[in-house]
Amino acid sequence: MEKTADAVVIGGGIMGASVAHFLAKKRFGKVVLLEKQHLASASTGSSAGNIRTSYSNPLTIKLALRALEMFENDRDELGGDSGFRQIGMMVLMEESNLDAGMHVLSQETKIDTGSRRVSTEEIKELAPQFDLVRTVGGPGQASKQAPWG
């Protein structure tokens, strides 16, 4: 184990690994990452690993867009193929959640994430297997490469 370092990052989840990666990329000096178990041993290892922009505040949306840009350019930004594939996303809303969903969609629209509202009819075309009995057609988020985006 190293005895000295210019930076010591504690925790080998996505946050710690990311901090260590970018410190090293900026040539900060000797960077040591400490993890008591193994990389991604806690919540990061159980994550579905999606990248989305559907958040209720502009700063988080902008951070998510930056993450998307990094994964789209993973070879240059991250040093290799991350396996990232854009497949899109759709959020279905019941009437009770529609106001909150429309707030999120309005924030995304202001920042031009490519998200848009989809109708119940469009959802039926895209995903005929979905049970839409209580769905009112909600803010659907779709990546710019998805067929509904």
N, C-alpha and C. Protein backbone atom coordinates (compact mmCIF):
# COMPACT_ATOMS: atom_id res chain seq x y z
N MET A 1 0.84 -1.19 0.00
CA MET A 1 0.00 0.00 0.00
C MET A 1 0.88 1.25 0.00
N GLU A 2 0.43 2.24 -0.73
CA GLU A 2 1.16 3.50 -0.80
C GLU A 2 1.24 4.15 0.58
N LYS A 3 2.34 4.81 0.88
CA LYS A 3 2.51 5.50 2.16
C LYS A 3 2.28 7.00 2.04
N THR A 4 2.40 7.54 0.81
CA THR A 4 2.18 8.97 0.59
C THR A 4 1.32 9.16 -0.66
N ALA A 5 0.64 10.28 -0.68
CA ALA A 5 -0.19 10.59 -1.85
C ALA A 5 -0.45 12.09 -1.88
N ASP A 6 -0.73 12.58 -3.05
CA ASP A 6 -1.16 13.97 -3.19
C ASP A 6 -2.65 14.10 -2.93
N ALA A 7 -3.39 13.03 -3.20
CA ALA A 7 -4.82 12.99 -2.93
C ALA A 7 -5.20 11.57 -2.53
N VAL A 8 -6.00 11.47 -1.49
CA VAL A 8 -6.53 10.18 -1.06
C VAL A 8 -8.05 10.25 -1.18
N VAL A 9 -8.61 9.36 -1.97
CA VAL A 9 -10.06 9.30 -2.16
C VAL A 9 -10.54 8.07 -1.43
N ILE A 10 -11.52 8.27 -0.56
CA ILE A 10 -12.05 7.17 0.24
C ILE A 10 -13.38 6.75 -0.33
N GLY A 11 -13.46 5.50 -0.74
CA GLY A 11 -14.69 4.94 -1.28
C GLY A 11 -14.57 4.67 -2.76
N GLY A 12 -14.79 3.42 -3.16
CA GLY A 12 -14.63 3.00 -4.55
C GLY A 12 -15.93 2.82 -5.28
N GLY A 13 -16.95 3.62 -4.92
CA GLY A 13 -18.18 3.63 -5.70
C GLY A 13 -18.04 4.61 -6.84
N ILE A 14 -19.14 4.93 -7.48
CA ILE A 14 -19.08 5.81 -8.65
C ILE A 14 -18.51 7.18 -8.31
N MET A 15 -18.87 7.72 -7.15
CA MET A 15 -18.36 9.04 -6.80
C MET A 15 -16.86 9.01 -6.55
N GLY A 16 -16.42 8.09 -5.73
CA GLY A 16 -14.99 8.00 -5.42
C GLY A 16 -14.15 7.66 -6.64
N ALA A 17 -14.62 6.69 -7.43
CA ALA A 17 -13.88 6.30 -8.63
C ALA A 17 -13.83 7.45 -9.62
N SER A 18 -14.92 8.19 -9.73
CA SER A 18 -14.96 9.34 -10.64
C SER A 18 -13.99 10.43 -10.19
N VAL A 19 -14.01 10.74 -8.90
CA VAL A 19 -13.10 11.77 -8.38
C VAL A 19 -11.65 11.35 -8.63
N ALA A 20 -11.32 10.09 -8.33
CA ALA A 20 -9.96 9.61 -8.54
C ALA A 20 -9.58 9.66 -10.03
N HIS A 21 -10.50 9.26 -10.89
CA HIS A 21 -10.25 9.28 -12.33
C HIS A 21 -9.92 10.68 -12.82
N PHE A 22 -10.76 11.65 -12.43
CA PHE A 22 -10.56 13.00 -12.95
C PHE A 22 -9.37 13.71 -12.31
N LEU A 23 -9.05 13.38 -11.07
CA LEU A 23 -7.81 13.91 -10.49
C LEU A 23 -6.61 13.38 -11.27
N ALA A 24 -6.62 12.09 -11.58
CA ALA A 24 -5.52 11.50 -12.34
C ALA A 24 -5.47 12.08 -13.75
N LYS A 25 -6.63 12.25 -14.37
CA LYS A 25 -6.69 12.80 -15.73
C LYS A 25 -6.13 14.22 -15.78
N LYS A 26 -6.35 14.98 -14.69
CA LYS A 26 -5.83 16.35 -14.60
C LYS A 26 -4.38 16.38 -14.14
N ARG A 27 -3.79 15.19 -13.96
CA ARG A 27 -2.40 15.05 -13.51
C ARG A 27 -2.17 15.75 -12.17
N PHE A 28 -3.10 15.48 -11.25
CA PHE A 28 -3.04 16.10 -9.93
C PHE A 28 -1.80 15.66 -9.16
N GLY A 29 -1.33 14.49 -9.43
CA GLY A 29 -0.20 13.91 -8.69
C GLY A 29 -0.52 12.46 -8.40
N LYS A 30 0.05 11.96 -7.31
CA LYS A 30 -0.21 10.58 -6.93
C LYS A 30 -1.58 10.52 -6.26
N VAL A 31 -2.50 9.79 -6.88
CA VAL A 31 -3.87 9.66 -6.38
C VAL A 31 -4.05 8.23 -5.89
N VAL A 32 -4.52 8.10 -4.66
CA VAL A 32 -4.77 6.79 -4.08
C VAL A 32 -6.26 6.67 -3.78
N LEU A 33 -6.85 5.57 -4.25
CA LEU A 33 -8.26 5.29 -4.00
C LEU A 33 -8.34 4.16 -2.98
N LEU A 34 -8.99 4.43 -1.84
CA LEU A 34 -9.13 3.43 -0.79
C LEU A 34 -10.57 2.91 -0.76
N GLU A 35 -10.69 1.60 -0.74
CA GLU A 35 -12.00 0.96 -0.64
C GLU A 35 -11.86 -0.23 0.30
N LYS A 36 -12.74 -0.33 1.30
CA LYS A 36 -12.59 -1.40 2.29
C LYS A 36 -13.00 -2.77 1.78
N GLN A 37 -13.83 -2.82 0.75
CA GLN A 37 -14.22 -4.12 0.19
C GLN A 37 -13.67 -4.25 -1.22
N HIS A 38 -14.48 -4.00 -2.22
CA HIS A 38 -14.04 -4.00 -3.61
C HIS A 38 -14.77 -2.89 -4.35
N LEU A 39 -14.26 -2.50 -5.51
CA LEU A 39 -14.89 -1.43 -6.26
C LEU A 39 -16.37 -1.72 -6.49
N ALA A 40 -17.19 -0.70 -6.32
CA ALA A 40 -18.64 -0.78 -6.52
C ALA A 40 -19.29 -1.83 -5.63
N SER A 41 -18.79 -1.98 -4.40
CA SER A 41 -19.30 -3.02 -3.51
C SER A 41 -20.60 -2.65 -2.81
N ALA A 42 -20.97 -1.38 -2.81
CA ALA A 42 -22.20 -0.97 -2.11
C ALA A 42 -23.26 -0.57 -3.14
N SER A 43 -23.86 0.58 -2.98
CA SER A 43 -25.01 0.96 -3.82
C SER A 43 -24.66 1.07 -5.30
N THR A 44 -23.46 1.50 -5.64
CA THR A 44 -23.09 1.62 -7.06
C THR A 44 -23.18 0.28 -7.76
N GLY A 45 -22.76 -0.77 -7.10
CA GLY A 45 -22.78 -2.10 -7.70
C GLY A 45 -24.18 -2.64 -7.90
N SER A 46 -25.15 -2.07 -7.21
CA SER A 46 -26.54 -2.52 -7.35
C SER A 46 -27.36 -1.61 -8.27
N SER A 47 -26.73 -0.60 -8.82
CA SER A 47 -27.42 0.38 -9.64
C SER A 47 -27.74 -0.19 -11.02
N ALA A 48 -28.85 0.26 -11.58
CA ALA A 48 -29.21 -0.12 -12.94
C ALA A 48 -28.32 0.58 -13.95
N GLY A 49 -27.63 1.63 -13.51
CA GLY A 49 -26.67 2.31 -14.37
C GLY A 49 -27.29 3.08 -15.52
N ASN A 50 -28.39 3.75 -15.25
CA ASN A 50 -28.97 4.54 -16.33
C ASN A 50 -28.54 5.99 -16.24
N ILE A 51 -28.63 6.67 -17.35
CA ILE A 51 -28.36 8.10 -17.40
C ILE A 51 -29.64 8.75 -17.88
N ARG A 52 -30.17 9.64 -17.08
CA ARG A 52 -31.41 10.30 -17.42
C ARG A 52 -31.27 11.78 -17.14
N THR A 53 -32.14 12.58 -17.72
CA THR A 53 -32.12 14.01 -17.47
C THR A 53 -33.37 14.47 -16.74
N SER A 54 -34.24 13.56 -16.37
CA SER A 54 -35.50 13.96 -15.76
C SER A 54 -35.32 14.26 -14.27
N TYR A 55 -35.01 15.51 -14.02
CA TYR A 55 -34.85 16.01 -12.66
C TYR A 55 -35.63 17.30 -12.53
N SER A 56 -35.90 17.69 -11.30
CA SER A 56 -36.75 18.87 -11.09
C SER A 56 -35.99 20.17 -10.99
N ASN A 57 -34.65 20.12 -10.96
CA ASN A 57 -33.93 21.39 -10.89
C ASN A 57 -32.90 21.48 -12.02
N PRO A 58 -32.70 22.68 -12.52
CA PRO A 58 -31.84 22.89 -13.68
C PRO A 58 -30.39 22.45 -13.49
N LEU A 59 -29.82 22.64 -12.31
CA LEU A 59 -28.43 22.26 -12.10
C LEU A 59 -28.25 20.75 -12.27
N THR A 60 -29.14 19.98 -11.69
CA THR A 60 -29.04 18.52 -11.80
C THR A 60 -29.22 18.09 -13.25
N ILE A 61 -30.12 18.73 -13.97
CA ILE A 61 -30.31 18.41 -15.39
C ILE A 61 -29.02 18.70 -16.16
N LYS A 62 -28.40 19.84 -15.90
CA LYS A 62 -27.16 20.18 -16.60
C LYS A 62 -26.04 19.20 -16.27
N LEU A 63 -25.96 18.76 -15.02
CA LEU A 63 -24.96 17.75 -14.65
C LEU A 63 -25.24 16.44 -15.38
N ALA A 64 -26.50 16.06 -15.48
CA ALA A 64 -26.87 14.83 -16.19
C ALA A 64 -26.54 14.94 -17.67
N LEU A 65 -26.77 16.10 -18.26
CA LEU A 65 -26.42 16.29 -19.67
C LEU A 65 -24.92 16.17 -19.88
N ARG A 66 -24.15 16.67 -18.93
CA ARG A 66 -22.68 16.54 -19.02
C ARG A 66 -22.28 15.07 -18.92
N ALA A 67 -22.93 14.33 -18.03
CA ALA A 67 -22.64 12.89 -17.91
C ALA A 67 -22.98 12.18 -19.22
N LEU A 68 -24.11 12.54 -19.81
CA LEU A 68 -24.50 11.95 -21.09
C LEU A 68 -23.45 12.23 -22.15
N GLU A 69 -22.97 13.45 -22.20
CA GLU A 69 -21.92 13.82 -23.15
C GLU A 69 -20.66 12.98 -22.93
N MET A 70 -20.31 12.78 -21.67
CA MET A 70 -19.12 11.98 -21.36
C MET A 70 -19.28 10.56 -21.84
N PHE A 71 -20.46 9.96 -21.61
CA PHE A 71 -20.66 8.58 -22.03
C PHE A 71 -20.78 8.46 -23.54
N GLU A 72 -21.32 9.48 -24.21
CA GLU A 72 -21.37 9.46 -25.67
C GLU A 72 -19.97 9.53 -26.27
N ASN A 73 -19.05 10.13 -25.54
CA ASN A 73 -17.65 10.27 -25.99
C ASN A 73 -16.72 9.51 -25.05
N ASP A 74 -17.14 8.31 -24.66
CA ASP A 74 -16.44 7.57 -23.61
C ASP A 74 -14.97 7.27 -23.92
N ARG A 75 -14.64 7.02 -25.15
CA ARG A 75 -13.24 6.71 -25.47
C ARG A 75 -12.33 7.88 -25.12
N ASP A 76 -12.73 9.09 -25.50
CA ASP A 76 -11.93 10.28 -25.21
C ASP A 76 -12.06 10.71 -23.76
N GLU A 77 -13.28 10.71 -23.25
CA GLU A 77 -13.54 11.25 -21.91
C GLU A 77 -13.15 10.28 -20.79
N LEU A 78 -13.39 8.99 -21.02
CA LEU A 78 -13.21 8.01 -19.94
C LEU A 78 -12.10 7.01 -20.20
N GLY A 79 -11.51 7.08 -21.38
CA GLY A 79 -10.38 6.20 -21.66
C GLY A 79 -10.72 4.87 -22.28
N GLY A 80 -11.97 4.66 -22.67
CA GLY A 80 -12.33 3.39 -23.31
C GLY A 80 -13.83 3.27 -23.50
N ASP A 81 -14.22 2.16 -24.07
CA ASP A 81 -15.63 1.89 -24.32
C ASP A 81 -16.31 1.50 -23.01
N SER A 82 -17.29 2.29 -22.62
CA SER A 82 -18.01 2.03 -21.36
C SER A 82 -19.19 1.08 -21.55
N GLY A 83 -19.51 0.76 -22.79
CA GLY A 83 -20.67 -0.07 -23.06
C GLY A 83 -21.97 0.71 -23.11
N PHE A 84 -21.88 2.02 -23.06
CA PHE A 84 -23.07 2.87 -23.04
C PHE A 84 -23.81 2.79 -24.36
N ARG A 85 -25.13 2.62 -24.27
CA ARG A 85 -26.00 2.62 -25.44
C ARG A 85 -27.23 3.46 -25.14
N GLN A 86 -27.60 4.37 -26.03
CA GLN A 86 -28.81 5.16 -25.84
C GLN A 86 -30.00 4.36 -26.30
N ILE A 87 -30.95 4.17 -25.41
CA ILE A 87 -32.14 3.40 -25.78
C ILE A 87 -33.43 4.18 -25.50
N GLY A 88 -33.35 5.28 -24.80
CA GLY A 88 -34.53 6.09 -24.51
C GLY A 88 -35.18 5.69 -23.19
N MET A 89 -36.19 6.45 -22.84
CA MET A 89 -36.88 6.24 -21.57
C MET A 89 -38.26 6.87 -21.68
N MET A 90 -39.22 6.25 -21.02
CA MET A 90 -40.56 6.82 -21.00
C MET A 90 -41.06 6.77 -19.55
N VAL A 91 -41.63 7.89 -19.11
CA VAL A 91 -42.21 7.96 -17.77
C VAL A 91 -43.72 8.03 -17.93
N LEU A 92 -44.42 7.08 -17.31
CA LEU A 92 -45.88 7.06 -17.38
C LEU A 92 -46.45 7.70 -16.12
N MET A 93 -47.50 8.48 -16.29
CA MET A 93 -48.08 9.23 -15.18
C MET A 93 -49.55 8.90 -14.97
N GLU A 94 -49.89 8.79 -13.69
CA GLU A 94 -51.30 8.79 -13.30
C GLU A 94 -51.68 10.24 -13.05
N GLU A 95 -52.95 10.52 -13.00
CA GLU A 95 -53.43 11.89 -12.79
C GLU A 95 -52.81 12.52 -11.55
N SER A 96 -52.66 11.75 -10.48
CA SER A 96 -52.14 12.29 -9.21
C SER A 96 -50.68 12.74 -9.31
N ASN A 97 -49.94 12.26 -10.29
CA ASN A 97 -48.53 12.62 -10.44
C ASN A 97 -48.27 13.57 -11.60
N LEU A 98 -49.30 13.92 -12.32
CA LEU A 98 -49.11 14.67 -13.55
C LEU A 98 -48.51 16.06 -13.32
N ASP A 99 -48.94 16.77 -12.28
CA ASP A 99 -48.39 18.11 -12.03
C ASP A 99 -46.88 18.06 -11.80
N ALA A 100 -46.45 17.12 -10.97
CA ALA A 100 -45.02 16.99 -10.69
C ALA A 100 -44.26 16.61 -11.96
N GLY A 101 -44.83 15.70 -12.74
CA GLY A 101 -44.19 15.29 -13.98
C GLY A 101 -44.09 16.42 -14.98
N MET A 102 -45.13 17.23 -15.06
CA MET A 102 -45.10 18.35 -15.99
C MET A 102 -44.10 19.42 -15.55
N HIS A 103 -43.91 19.55 -14.23
CA HIS A 103 -42.88 20.47 -13.74
C HIS A 103 -41.50 20.01 -14.21
N VAL A 104 -41.23 18.71 -14.05
CA VAL A 104 -39.95 18.17 -14.49
C VAL A 104 -39.79 18.38 -15.99
N LEU A 105 -40.83 18.09 -16.76
CA LEU A 105 -40.75 18.26 -18.20
C LEU A 105 -40.51 19.72 -18.58
N SER A 106 -41.12 20.65 -17.86
CA SER A 106 -40.90 22.07 -18.18
C SER A 106 -39.45 22.47 -17.93
N GLN A 107 -38.85 21.92 -16.88
CA GLN A 107 -37.43 22.21 -16.61
C GLN A 107 -36.55 21.64 -17.72
N GLU A 108 -36.86 20.43 -18.16
CA GLU A 108 -36.08 19.81 -19.23
C GLU A 108 -36.24 20.56 -20.55
N THR A 109 -37.44 21.02 -20.82
CA THR A 109 -37.71 21.75 -22.06
C THR A 109 -36.93 23.05 -22.11
N LYS A 110 -36.85 23.76 -20.97
CA LYS A 110 -36.10 25.01 -20.91
C LYS A 110 -34.62 24.80 -21.25
N ILE A 111 -34.10 23.64 -20.89
CA ILE A 111 -32.68 23.35 -21.11
C ILE A 111 -32.47 22.57 -22.41
N ASP A 112 -33.53 22.19 -23.07
CA ASP A 112 -33.48 21.49 -24.36
C ASP A 112 -32.78 20.14 -24.26
N THR A 113 -33.34 19.27 -23.42
CA THR A 113 -32.79 17.92 -23.28
C THR A 113 -33.24 16.99 -24.39
N GLY A 114 -34.24 17.42 -25.16
CA GLY A 114 -34.79 16.53 -26.19
C GLY A 114 -36.01 15.77 -25.70
N SER A 115 -36.39 15.98 -24.45
CA SER A 115 -37.55 15.31 -23.89
C SER A 115 -38.83 15.97 -24.38
N ARG A 116 -39.89 15.21 -24.44
CA ARG A 116 -41.16 15.76 -24.87
C ARG A 116 -42.29 14.94 -24.27
N ARG A 117 -43.47 15.52 -24.25
CA ARG A 117 -44.66 14.81 -23.78
C ARG A 117 -45.16 13.92 -24.91
N VAL A 118 -45.54 12.72 -24.55
CA VAL A 118 -46.11 11.80 -25.53
C VAL A 118 -47.56 11.50 -25.14
N SER A 119 -48.37 11.26 -26.13
CA SER A 119 -49.78 10.99 -25.88
C SER A 119 -49.98 9.52 -25.53
N THR A 120 -51.13 9.23 -24.97
CA THR A 120 -51.47 7.85 -24.66
C THR A 120 -51.48 7.02 -25.95
N GLU A 121 -51.92 7.61 -27.03
CA GLU A 121 -51.95 6.90 -28.31
C GLU A 121 -50.53 6.52 -28.76
N GLU A 122 -49.58 7.45 -28.59
CA GLU A 122 -48.19 7.15 -28.95
C GLU A 122 -47.64 6.03 -28.08
N ILE A 123 -47.99 6.07 -26.79
CA ILE A 123 -47.50 5.03 -25.88
C ILE A 123 -48.03 3.67 -26.33
N LYS A 124 -49.30 3.61 -26.72
CA LYS A 124 -49.89 2.35 -27.19
C LYS A 124 -49.15 1.82 -28.41
N GLU A 125 -48.72 2.71 -29.29
CA GLU A 125 -47.96 2.29 -30.47
C GLU A 125 -46.58 1.78 -30.09
N LEU A 126 -45.92 2.50 -29.19
CA LEU A 126 -44.54 2.17 -28.81
C LEU A 126 -44.46 0.95 -27.91
N ALA A 127 -45.43 0.80 -27.03
CA ALA A 127 -45.39 -0.28 -26.04
C ALA A 127 -46.79 -0.85 -25.86
N PRO A 128 -47.28 -1.62 -26.82
CA PRO A 128 -48.65 -2.13 -26.75
C PRO A 128 -48.89 -3.06 -25.55
N GLN A 129 -47.82 -3.57 -24.95
CA GLN A 129 -47.97 -4.48 -23.82
C GLN A 129 -48.26 -3.75 -22.51
N PHE A 130 -48.12 -2.43 -22.47
CA PHE A 130 -48.34 -1.66 -21.25
C PHE A 130 -49.82 -1.58 -20.92
N ASP A 131 -50.11 -1.67 -19.62
CA ASP A 131 -51.47 -1.47 -19.12
C ASP A 131 -51.63 0.02 -18.85
N LEU A 132 -52.43 0.69 -19.66
CA LEU A 132 -52.56 2.15 -19.58
C LEU A 132 -53.88 2.59 -18.98
N VAL A 133 -54.52 1.73 -18.21
CA VAL A 133 -55.84 2.05 -17.68
C VAL A 133 -55.84 3.35 -16.89
N ARG A 134 -54.84 3.58 -16.02
CA ARG A 134 -54.82 4.79 -15.20
C ARG A 134 -53.83 5.84 -15.71
N THR A 135 -53.25 5.61 -16.86
CA THR A 135 -52.26 6.52 -17.40
C THR A 135 -52.94 7.62 -18.19
N VAL A 136 -52.49 8.86 -17.98
CA VAL A 136 -53.08 10.00 -18.68
C VAL A 136 -52.21 10.48 -19.83
N GLY A 137 -51.13 9.79 -20.10
CA GLY A 137 -50.19 10.29 -21.10
C GLY A 137 -49.31 11.28 -20.38
N GLY A 138 -48.10 10.99 -20.22
CA GLY A 138 -47.29 11.83 -19.36
C GLY A 138 -46.08 12.35 -20.05
N PRO A 139 -45.27 13.03 -19.25
CA PRO A 139 -44.03 13.53 -19.83
C PRO A 139 -43.16 12.33 -20.14
N GLY A 140 -43.00 12.04 -21.38
CA GLY A 140 -42.13 10.94 -21.77
C GLY A 140 -40.75 11.51 -22.00
N GLN A 141 -39.75 10.85 -21.51
CA GLN A 141 -38.39 11.29 -21.80
C GLN A 141 -37.82 10.31 -22.77
N ALA A 142 -37.31 10.79 -23.83
CA ALA A 142 -36.70 9.91 -24.82
C ALA A 142 -35.37 10.49 -25.23
N SER A 143 -34.40 9.61 -25.39
CA SER A 143 -33.12 10.10 -25.87
C SER A 143 -33.30 10.55 -27.31
N LYS A 144 -32.39 11.37 -27.78
CA LYS A 144 -32.52 11.91 -29.13
C LYS A 144 -32.39 10.83 -30.19
N GLN A 145 -31.84 9.66 -29.83
CA GLN A 145 -31.69 8.58 -30.81
C GLN A 145 -32.81 7.56 -30.72
N ALA A 146 -33.65 7.63 -29.70
CA ALA A 146 -34.72 6.65 -29.55
C ALA A 146 -35.80 6.92 -30.59
N PRO A 147 -36.56 5.90 -30.96
CA PRO A 147 -37.56 6.10 -32.00
C PRO A 147 -38.66 7.07 -31.61
N TRP A 148 -38.85 7.32 -30.35
CA TRP A 148 -39.90 8.24 -29.94
C TRP A 148 -39.36 9.57 -29.46
N GLY A 149 -38.07 9.85 -29.68
CA GLY A 149 -37.46 11.05 -29.13
C GLY A 149 -37.38 12.20 -30.06
